[in-house]
Protein backbone atom coordinates (compact mmCIF):
# COMPACT_ATOMS: atom_id res chain seq x y z
CA MET A 1 -63.22 25.11 -0.95
CA LEU A 2 -62.80 26.20 2.66
CA GLY A 3 -59.89 24.58 4.46
CA VAL A 4 -59.93 24.25 8.24
CA PHE A 5 -56.51 25.71 8.99
CA PHE A 6 -57.64 27.80 11.96
CA MET A 7 -58.60 27.15 15.56
CA LYS A 8 -62.20 26.32 16.44
CA LYS A 9 -62.42 29.45 18.62
CA ASP A 10 -62.14 31.52 15.42
CA PHE A 11 -65.30 30.01 13.87
CA ILE A 12 -67.78 32.26 15.70
CA SER A 13 -65.66 35.37 15.19
CA LEU A 14 -65.45 34.81 11.45
CA ILE A 15 -69.18 34.05 11.19
CA LYS A 16 -69.91 37.36 12.94
CA ASN A 17 -67.73 39.15 10.41
CA LEU A 18 -69.22 37.47 7.34
CA SER A 19 -72.94 37.50 8.20
CA PRO A 20 -73.64 41.29 8.27
CA VAL A 21 -71.72 41.87 5.03
CA LEU A 22 -73.71 39.19 3.23
CA ARG A 23 -76.96 40.74 4.48
CA GLU A 24 -75.89 44.25 3.45
CA ILE A 25 -74.95 43.37 -0.15
CA LYS A 26 -77.92 40.97 -0.50
CA LEU A 27 -75.86 38.15 -2.00
CA VAL A 28 -77.66 35.50 0.05
CA GLU A 29 -81.39 35.23 -0.70
CA SER A 30 -82.06 32.53 1.89
CA PHE A 31 -80.12 30.59 4.50
CA GLU A 32 -81.44 27.49 6.21
CA ARG A 33 -80.56 24.30 7.99
CA VAL A 34 -81.15 21.18 5.92
CA ARG A 35 -82.23 18.14 7.90
CA GLN A 36 -81.63 14.54 6.88
CA HIS A 37 -84.30 11.87 6.45
CA TYR A 38 -85.05 9.74 9.51
CA ASP A 39 -83.17 6.78 8.02
CA GLU A 40 -80.05 8.81 7.17
CA PRO A 41 -76.97 9.67 9.27
CA LYS A 42 -77.42 13.00 11.07
CA PHE A 43 -74.98 15.88 10.66
CA TRP A 44 -74.98 19.67 10.53
CA TYR A 45 -75.94 20.88 7.05
CA TYR A 46 -76.63 24.49 6.04
CA SER A 47 -77.62 25.78 2.62
CA ALA A 48 -77.53 29.29 1.14
CA SER A 49 -79.28 30.40 -2.03
CA ILE A 50 -77.17 33.10 -3.71
CA ASN A 51 -77.94 35.57 -6.48
CA ASP A 52 -75.87 38.43 -7.93
CA LYS A 53 -78.84 40.59 -9.03
CA HIS A 54 -77.98 43.29 -6.46
CA LEU A 55 -74.26 43.28 -7.30
CA LYS A 56 -72.67 44.85 -10.35
CA HIS A 57 -70.09 43.08 -12.50
CA ASP A 58 -69.39 42.68 -16.21
CA GLY A 59 -69.83 38.93 -16.63
CA ALA A 60 -72.92 36.80 -17.13
CA HIS A 61 -75.37 36.83 -14.23
CA PHE A 62 -75.83 33.74 -12.11
CA HIS A 63 -77.89 32.06 -9.42
CA SER A 64 -76.36 29.27 -7.37
CA GLU A 65 -76.42 27.32 -4.12
CA ALA A 66 -73.75 27.22 -1.45
CA SER A 67 -73.66 24.79 1.44
CA GLY A 68 -71.60 23.49 4.31
CA VAL A 69 -71.63 20.28 6.32
CA SER A 70 -69.91 18.91 9.41
CA PHE A 71 -70.45 15.87 11.59
CA PHE A 72 -68.64 17.57 14.46
CA SER A 73 -69.42 21.29 14.60
CA GLN A 74 -72.54 23.34 13.90
CA ASN A 75 -70.47 26.53 13.70
CA LEU A 76 -68.13 24.98 11.15
CA ALA A 77 -71.06 23.92 8.96
CA VAL A 78 -72.49 27.47 9.10
CA LEU A 79 -69.09 28.96 8.34
CA LYS A 80 -68.53 26.63 5.38
CA ALA A 81 -71.87 27.61 3.86
CA LEU A 82 -71.25 31.36 4.29
CA ALA A 83 -67.68 31.03 3.03
CA GLU A 84 -68.75 29.04 -0.01
CA ALA A 85 -71.32 31.73 -0.87
CA ILE A 86 -68.56 34.36 -0.91
CA GLU A 87 -66.19 32.04 -2.76
CA ARG A 88 -68.82 31.30 -5.42
CA TYR A 89 -69.53 34.98 -6.05
CA ASN A 90 -65.87 35.94 -6.34
CA ASN A 91 -65.13 33.02 -8.65
CA PHE A 92 -68.08 34.00 -10.87
CA ALA A 93 -67.82 37.79 -10.90
CA PHE A 94 -65.79 39.25 -13.76
CA PHE A 95 -64.99 42.94 -14.09
CA ASP A 96 -63.63 44.61 -17.24
CA GLU A 97 -61.00 46.27 -15.06
CA ASP A 98 -59.49 42.80 -14.50
CA ILE A 99 -58.31 42.74 -18.14
CA ASP A 100 -54.59 43.59 -18.22
CA PHE A 101 -53.92 42.84 -21.89
CA GLU A 102 -55.73 41.78 -25.05
CA GLY A 103 -53.88 40.02 -27.84
CA SER A 104 -52.02 36.86 -28.78
CA TYR A 105 -49.51 34.94 -26.65
CA SER A 106 -46.79 35.64 -29.23
CA LYS A 107 -46.73 39.28 -28.11
CA ILE A 108 -46.25 38.57 -24.39
CA LYS A 109 -44.34 35.27 -24.24
CA MET A 110 -41.96 36.30 -21.46
CA ASP A 111 -44.77 37.48 -19.21
CA ALA A 112 -47.55 34.95 -19.77
CA ILE A 113 -48.50 31.32 -19.33
CA ASN A 114 -48.66 29.62 -22.72
CA PRO A 115 -52.37 28.90 -23.36
CA THR A 116 -51.45 25.55 -24.91
CA LYS A 117 -50.67 24.43 -21.34
CA PHE A 118 -54.43 24.52 -20.75
CA VAL A 119 -55.18 22.07 -23.57
CA TYR A 120 -56.53 18.89 -21.93
CA PHE A 121 -58.25 17.44 -24.98
CA SER A 122 -56.58 14.72 -27.06
CA ASP A 123 -55.52 15.32 -30.67
CA LYS A 124 -58.25 12.89 -31.72
CA GLN A 125 -60.87 14.95 -29.90
CA LEU A 126 -59.64 18.24 -31.34
CA ARG A 127 -59.95 16.89 -34.88
CA GLN A 128 -63.71 16.52 -34.35
CA ALA A 129 -65.87 19.37 -35.62
CA LYS A 130 -67.59 19.98 -32.30
CA TYR A 131 -64.21 20.79 -30.69
CA LYS A 132 -63.45 23.58 -33.15
CA LYS A 133 -63.93 26.29 -30.52
CA PHE A 134 -61.19 24.69 -28.37
CA ARG A 135 -58.47 24.80 -31.04
CA ILE A 136 -55.66 27.17 -30.04
CA GLY A 137 -53.10 28.51 -32.51
CA ASN A 138 -50.10 30.86 -32.38
CA LYS A 139 -52.28 33.80 -33.39
CA SER A 140 -55.18 33.03 -31.06
CA THR A 141 -56.30 36.18 -29.26
CA PHE A 142 -57.24 36.20 -25.60
CA ARG A 143 -58.06 38.74 -22.94
CA TRP A 144 -55.54 38.30 -20.15
CA THR A 145 -55.37 38.98 -16.42
CA GLU A 146 -52.44 38.98 -14.00
CA MET A 147 -51.55 36.15 -11.63
CA ARG A 148 -48.59 35.78 -9.33
CA SER A 149 -46.22 32.87 -8.99
CA LEU A 150 -46.26 31.28 -5.55
CA ASP A 151 -42.77 32.59 -4.77
CA GLY A 152 -44.16 36.10 -5.38
CA LYS A 153 -41.20 37.16 -7.49
CA LYS A 154 -43.09 37.80 -10.73
CA SER A 155 -46.53 38.33 -12.21
CA TYR A 156 -47.74 36.37 -15.22
CA LEU A 157 -50.66 36.86 -17.57
CA VAL A 158 -53.28 34.14 -17.95
CA PRO A 159 -56.48 34.07 -20.04
CA CYS A 160 -59.35 35.61 -18.05
CA GLN A 161 -61.57 32.63 -18.84
CA ALA A 162 -59.29 30.41 -16.74
CA ILE A 163 -60.22 32.45 -13.65
CA TYR A 164 -63.77 33.80 -13.86
CA LEU A 165 -66.78 31.52 -14.36
CA SER A 166 -69.02 34.32 -15.72
CA TYR A 167 -66.43 35.54 -18.24
CA GLN A 168 -67.86 35.84 -21.76
CA ARG A 169 -65.40 35.19 -24.58
CA THR A 170 -65.01 37.56 -27.49
CA ARG A 171 -66.11 36.33 -30.94
CA SER A 172 -62.53 35.57 -31.97
CA GLU A 173 -61.39 34.03 -28.69
CA PRO A 174 -61.08 30.23 -28.49
CA ALA A 175 -62.23 28.35 -25.41
CA LEU A 176 -59.68 26.63 -23.17
CA TYR A 177 -62.11 24.06 -21.73
CA PRO A 178 -65.60 24.11 -20.14
CA SER A 179 -65.34 26.33 -17.07
CA ILE A 180 -64.79 24.68 -13.71
CA SER A 181 -64.34 25.99 -10.16
CA THR A 182 -61.37 23.77 -9.24
CA GLY A 183 -58.69 25.81 -7.48
CA ALA A 184 -61.03 28.51 -6.17
CA ALA A 185 -60.73 28.72 -2.41
CA GLY A 186 -61.62 31.08 0.40
CA HIS A 187 -60.19 31.50 3.87
CA SER A 188 -59.54 33.97 6.66
CA GLY A 189 -56.05 34.71 5.31
CA LEU A 190 -54.36 34.81 1.91
CA GLN A 191 -51.86 32.02 2.57
CA ALA A 192 -54.51 29.68 4.00
CA ALA A 193 -56.72 30.30 0.95
CA ILE A 194 -53.79 29.54 -1.38
CA LEU A 195 -53.05 26.32 0.53
CA SER A 196 -56.68 25.21 0.33
CA GLY A 197 -56.76 25.84 -3.42
CA ILE A 198 -53.55 23.86 -4.01
CA TYR A 199 -54.93 20.88 -2.10
CA GLU A 200 -58.08 20.98 -4.22
CA VAL A 201 -56.13 20.92 -7.48
CA ILE A 202 -54.07 17.97 -6.19
CA GLU A 203 -57.04 15.87 -5.02
CA ARG A 204 -58.96 16.28 -8.29
CA ASP A 205 -55.93 15.57 -10.43
CA ALA A 206 -55.44 12.34 -8.47
CA PHE A 207 -59.06 11.20 -8.72
CA MET A 208 -59.28 11.74 -12.47
CA ILE A 209 -56.02 9.85 -13.07
CA TYR A 210 -57.22 6.86 -11.04
CA TYR A 211 -60.80 6.83 -12.32
CA LEU A 212 -60.14 7.38 -16.02
CA ASN A 213 -57.37 4.77 -16.03
CA LYS A 214 -59.33 2.33 -13.82
CA LEU A 215 -56.39 2.07 -11.43
CA LYS A 216 -56.82 -0.03 -8.30
CA PRO A 217 -55.94 2.02 -5.22
CA LYS A 218 -55.17 0.73 -1.75
CA ARG A 219 -57.92 0.93 0.87
CA TYR A 220 -57.28 2.51 4.24
CA ASP A 221 -58.08 0.24 7.17
CA LEU A 222 -60.48 2.56 9.03
CA SER A 223 -61.35 -0.09 11.62
CA SER A 224 -57.82 -0.04 13.01
CA SER A 225 -57.73 3.73 13.48
CA ASN A 226 -57.52 5.26 16.96
CA ASN A 227 -58.68 8.65 15.68
CA GLU A 228 -61.92 9.54 17.48
CA LYS A 229 -63.44 11.33 14.49
CA ILE A 230 -62.73 8.45 12.12
CA LYS A 231 -64.18 6.01 14.67
CA LYS A 232 -67.35 8.11 14.98
CA LEU A 233 -67.79 8.33 11.20
CA LEU A 234 -67.33 4.59 10.83
CA GLU A 235 -69.77 3.81 13.66
CA THR A 236 -72.35 6.18 12.14
CA ALA A 237 -72.10 4.53 8.75
CA GLU A 238 -72.42 1.05 10.22
CA ARG A 239 -75.48 2.09 12.23
CA TYR A 240 -77.24 3.07 9.00
CA LYS A 241 -75.92 0.07 7.05
CA LEU A 242 -73.68 2.16 4.82
CA LYS A 243 -70.21 1.15 3.67
CA ILE A 244 -67.28 3.55 3.58
CA PHE A 245 -64.28 2.93 1.35
CA SER A 246 -61.47 5.42 1.99
CA LEU A 247 -58.98 4.96 -0.84
CA ASP A 248 -55.35 6.01 -1.17
CA ILE A 249 -55.15 7.80 -4.54
CA LYS A 250 -51.74 9.33 -3.97
CA THR A 251 -49.89 10.05 -7.22
CA ASP A 252 -46.29 10.85 -8.13
CA LEU A 253 -46.61 13.95 -5.94
CA SER A 254 -46.40 11.83 -2.76
CA VAL A 255 -49.04 14.06 -1.16
CA PRO A 256 -51.76 12.09 0.66
CA ALA A 257 -54.93 12.23 -1.46
CA VAL A 258 -58.04 10.32 -0.46
CA ALA A 259 -61.22 9.39 -2.28
CA SER A 260 -63.90 8.23 0.14
CA VAL A 261 -66.81 6.31 -1.38
CA VAL A 262 -70.05 5.85 0.56
CA ILE A 263 -72.05 2.88 -0.75
CA ASP A 264 -75.79 2.51 -0.05
CA ASP A 265 -77.38 -0.58 -1.61
CA SER A 266 -80.77 -0.07 0.07
CA GLY A 267 -82.39 1.55 -2.98
CA PHE A 268 -83.83 4.35 -0.80
CA SER A 269 -81.03 6.89 -1.27
CA LYS A 270 -78.05 7.70 -3.46
CA ALA A 271 -76.13 4.47 -4.08
CA VAL A 272 -72.70 5.96 -4.77
CA SER A 273 -71.33 9.13 -3.17
CA VAL A 274 -67.71 10.28 -3.50
CA GLY A 275 -65.73 12.83 -1.53
CA LEU A 276 -62.15 13.93 -2.20
CA LYS A 277 -59.52 15.51 0.00
CA ALA A 278 -55.76 16.02 -0.13
CA HIS A 279 -53.72 16.96 2.93
CA LEU A 280 -50.22 16.30 4.22
CA ASP A 281 -51.91 14.76 7.27
CA THR A 282 -53.55 11.52 6.04
CA GLU A 283 -56.12 11.46 8.86
CA SER A 284 -57.31 14.97 7.95
CA ALA A 285 -57.63 13.90 4.32
CA ILE A 286 -59.70 10.85 5.30
CA ILE A 287 -62.02 12.81 7.62
CA GLY A 288 -62.49 15.59 5.08
CA SER A 289 -63.22 13.23 2.21
CA ILE A 290 -65.83 11.28 4.22
CA ASN A 291 -67.58 14.51 5.22
CA GLU A 292 -67.67 15.54 1.57
CA ALA A 293 -69.00 12.16 0.45
CA PHE A 294 -72.03 12.55 2.73
CA HIS A 295 -72.56 16.14 1.58
CA THR A 296 -74.60 15.42 -1.56
CA ARG A 297 -76.76 12.55 -0.31
CA THR A 298 -79.54 14.66 1.23
CA TRP A 299 -80.32 16.99 -1.67
CA ILE A 300 -79.91 14.33 -4.35
CA ARG A 301 -82.39 12.14 -2.49
CA GLU A 302 -84.84 15.07 -2.38
CA ALA A 303 -84.38 15.58 -6.12
CA TYR A 304 -85.17 11.90 -6.73
CA ILE A 305 -88.26 11.99 -4.50
CA GLN A 306 -89.58 14.98 -6.46
CA ASN A 307 -88.98 13.24 -9.80
CA PRO A 308 -88.23 9.51 -9.35
CA THR A 309 -86.80 8.79 -12.77
CA SER A 310 -83.43 7.36 -13.71
CA VAL A 311 -80.86 9.40 -15.63
CA LEU A 312 -79.23 7.54 -18.50
CA LYS A 313 -75.79 8.27 -19.91
CA SER A 314 -77.31 9.85 -23.01
CA LYS A 315 -79.26 12.34 -20.87
CA LEU A 316 -76.21 13.20 -18.77
CA ILE A 317 -74.16 13.88 -21.92
CA LYS A 318 -76.94 16.06 -23.29
CA ASN A 319 -77.47 17.93 -20.01
CA SER A 320 -74.46 17.61 -17.70
CA THR A 321 -75.89 19.20 -14.57
CA ILE A 322 -74.69 18.32 -11.08
CA LYS A 323 -78.17 17.00 -10.28
CA ASN A 324 -78.22 14.71 -13.31
CA ARG A 325 -74.79 13.33 -12.40
CA GLY A 326 -75.98 12.61 -8.86
CA LEU A 327 -79.13 10.87 -10.16
CA PHE A 328 -77.03 8.93 -12.67
CA TRP A 329 -75.34 7.24 -9.67
CA TYR A 330 -78.55 6.94 -7.60
CA SER A 331 -79.59 3.39 -8.47
CA PRO A 332 -77.96 0.41 -6.67
CA GLU A 333 -77.28 -1.04 -10.13
CA SER A 334 -74.67 1.69 -10.63
CA ILE A 335 -72.47 0.29 -7.84
CA SER A 336 -71.09 -2.42 -10.11
CA LYS A 337 -69.59 0.28 -12.36
CA LEU A 338 -67.23 1.13 -9.51
CA ASN A 339 -66.15 -2.43 -8.73
CA PHE A 340 -62.66 -1.81 -10.14
CA PHE A 341 -62.22 1.03 -7.63
CA ILE A 342 -63.59 -0.48 -4.40
CA ASN A 343 -63.41 -4.28 -4.62
CA ASP A 344 -60.54 -6.74 -4.01
CA LEU A 345 -58.18 -4.07 -2.69
CA ASP A 346 -55.13 -4.38 -0.47
CA PHE A 347 -55.51 -2.70 2.91
CA GLU A 348 -53.22 0.03 4.13
CA LYS A 349 -52.67 1.19 7.70
CA ILE A 350 -53.28 4.86 8.47
CA LYS A 351 -50.14 6.69 9.52
CA PRO A 352 -51.05 9.54 11.89
CA ALA A 353 -49.06 12.77 11.58
CA ASN A 354 -46.64 13.18 14.45
CA ILE A 355 -46.50 16.96 14.22
CA GLU A 356 -48.94 19.71 13.31
CA LEU A 357 -47.65 21.75 10.39
CA SER A 358 -48.35 25.46 10.07
CA VAL A 359 -49.91 26.89 6.92
CA GLN A 360 -46.53 28.35 5.95
CA ASN A 361 -44.76 25.01 6.40
CA GLN A 362 -47.37 23.17 4.36
CA LEU A 363 -47.07 25.70 1.54
CA HIS A 364 -43.28 25.37 1.56
CA ILE A 365 -43.48 21.56 1.39
CA LEU A 366 -46.09 21.51 -1.39
CA LYS A 367 -44.24 24.12 -3.44
CA LYS A 368 -41.05 22.04 -3.32
CA ILE A 369 -42.85 18.77 -4.15
CA LEU A 370 -44.54 20.34 -7.17
CA GLU A 371 -41.46 22.18 -8.43
CA ASP A 372 -39.29 19.06 -8.09
CA ILE A 373 -41.37 17.37 -10.80
CA GLY A 374 -41.78 20.45 -12.95
CA TYR A 375 -45.02 22.15 -11.86
CA LYS A 376 -45.39 25.82 -10.96
CA VAL A 377 -48.17 27.26 -8.82
CA TYR A 378 -49.87 30.52 -9.76
CA TYR A 379 -52.48 32.36 -7.74
CA LYS A 380 -54.76 35.36 -8.13
CA ASP A 381 -56.50 37.15 -5.28
CA ILE A 382 -60.04 37.44 -6.67
CA SER A 383 -61.60 38.99 -3.56
CA SER A 384 -63.96 41.70 -4.79
CA LYS A 385 -64.45 45.19 -3.40
CA TYR A 386 -67.65 44.08 -1.66
CA PHE A 387 -65.62 42.05 0.84
CA LYS A 388 -62.62 44.35 1.37
CA ASP A 389 -63.57 45.13 4.98
CA ILE A 390 -63.75 41.55 6.26
CA PRO A 391 -60.90 39.17 7.14
CA PHE A 392 -61.62 36.78 4.28
CA LYS A 393 -59.69 36.16 1.07
CA VAL A 394 -60.71 34.27 -2.08
CA VAL A 395 -58.10 33.06 -4.55
CA LYS A 396 -57.93 31.08 -7.75
CA ILE A 397 -55.08 28.58 -8.03
CA ILE A 398 -53.75 27.34 -11.36
CA ILE A 399 -51.11 24.63 -11.74
CA PRO A 400 -50.69 24.13 -15.51
CA GLY A 401 -50.42 20.47 -16.46
CA MET A 402 -52.31 19.08 -13.49
CA GLN A 403 -55.32 17.07 -14.71
CA PRO A 404 -58.60 18.95 -14.15
CA VAL A 405 -61.83 17.29 -13.15
CA TYR A 406 -64.59 17.80 -15.71
CA LEU A 407 -68.35 17.89 -15.30
CA ASN A 408 -69.38 18.43 -18.93
CA GLU A 409 -69.68 14.94 -20.41
CA ASN A 410 -70.09 16.38 -23.89
CA TYR A 411 -66.48 17.58 -23.71
CA PRO A 412 -64.53 15.13 -21.49
CA LEU A 413 -60.92 16.14 -20.83
CA HIS A 414 -59.19 13.01 -22.11
CA GLY A 415 -55.93 14.47 -23.42
CA GLY A 416 -54.08 15.53 -20.28
CA GLU A 417 -50.44 14.38 -20.29
CA ARG A 418 -50.66 13.14 -16.71
CA LEU A 419 -53.39 10.65 -17.63
CA GLN A 420 -50.72 8.76 -19.58
CA SER A 421 -47.52 9.42 -17.63
CA VAL A 422 -48.53 9.11 -13.97
CA PRO A 423 -49.88 5.52 -14.06
CA VAL A 424 -46.60 4.39 -15.64
CA ARG A 425 -44.59 6.22 -12.96
CA LEU A 426 -46.70 4.51 -10.30
CA GLY A 427 -45.95 1.08 -11.77
CA TYR A 428 -49.25 0.43 -13.54
CA LYS A 429 -49.45 -0.80 -17.11
CA ASN A 430 -50.18 1.87 -19.69
CA LYS A 431 -53.79 1.59 -20.86
CA MET A 432 -54.72 2.49 -24.41
CA ASN A 433 -58.36 3.35 -23.69
CA LEU A 434 -59.70 5.57 -20.93
CA ASN A 435 -62.80 4.88 -18.88
CA THR A 436 -65.69 6.62 -20.66
CA TYR A 437 -68.33 5.87 -18.00
CA PRO A 438 -69.23 9.23 -16.34
CA HIS A 439 -67.47 9.61 -13.00
CA PRO A 440 -69.43 9.92 -9.71
CA PHE A 441 -67.76 13.03 -8.25
CA LEU A 442 -70.05 16.03 -7.80
């Protein structure tokens, strides 16, 4: 995830630095502007098709798409797409030289993160036969790689599979959970990349806690905002008869986290679209989450036009692709499944930030907030040698204990401690059963 913690004048400079490198190493196969349908809101949208066939690494090969959108800046949309292409490659690419140790946690306790901290399945789930590969014991063997704590005082070992999406486990190595990109972030500087990754972990933790527990959030009163960008987004949505619900999903961390839901009941496009964003400035979180909510509408609509069939829950469980999840929430009938999240909510006024915080100040604040309730931040610079000559860093952030988002419905992460504890701390009643209806976040 690319944060926007730099001045607009830097956009063009960074694009000029990234573009020739991407051409030289042939990571990007194609790059194009994606245009919206005539009856859709218009914004800048660029897409890159990426493939690692010209790049050497020791993990599984991959082909993927990267994209960037912005309602307000063409350059920012281009930069987001290029940056996501680099971020995707670095998050995927695994090199044998990244292995710093191979063995069990019992041999390196003082210098490693306990792999049991990555167990987000419930005991009930782990007793099922299909979860056998996720069972971790004292003698479980992993291949480990170094990460640093946010204070920089010490390095810690973490299982390689928690970092690299193309990592292939050994025959004797248990799986932590289905791989996910949460916490991978790229930016023009190391600290800004770390900050972006921390925000991503926070926003996804918040969404999963609210959605799986069916918690009712408060709804931000967008109509009362004086922010010009928020006003433009709201006016655009109204012009195309779309409804925006920007929801306060702040948790015990007291860091503004927003889930924006775009509802389209026309039947011509994706009915439910969700964007997430956390930021110490609530207005930035709202704007970012709305941009992200619109991001998937165009390509999911194209996918439906090419094959206009509905995706049932059984199909999504069998084949949990991003496309299938988007099509699962395509029909207007799906809107009712989100009634608990968007209907009959109390409104909340938006409190604009009075000061602009630097990247360093934001990191200091977030570190203290997390440590005060017992969470440590670890990061690894995963920028590969192919990008050493450009001012761009990619990191992977891990905050053990924070609830991950999951996209594999065959293995839902229903055992995270925060799913039980946070609602109680927020004053909600403890629910015995979690929401098993597949979530709408892509």
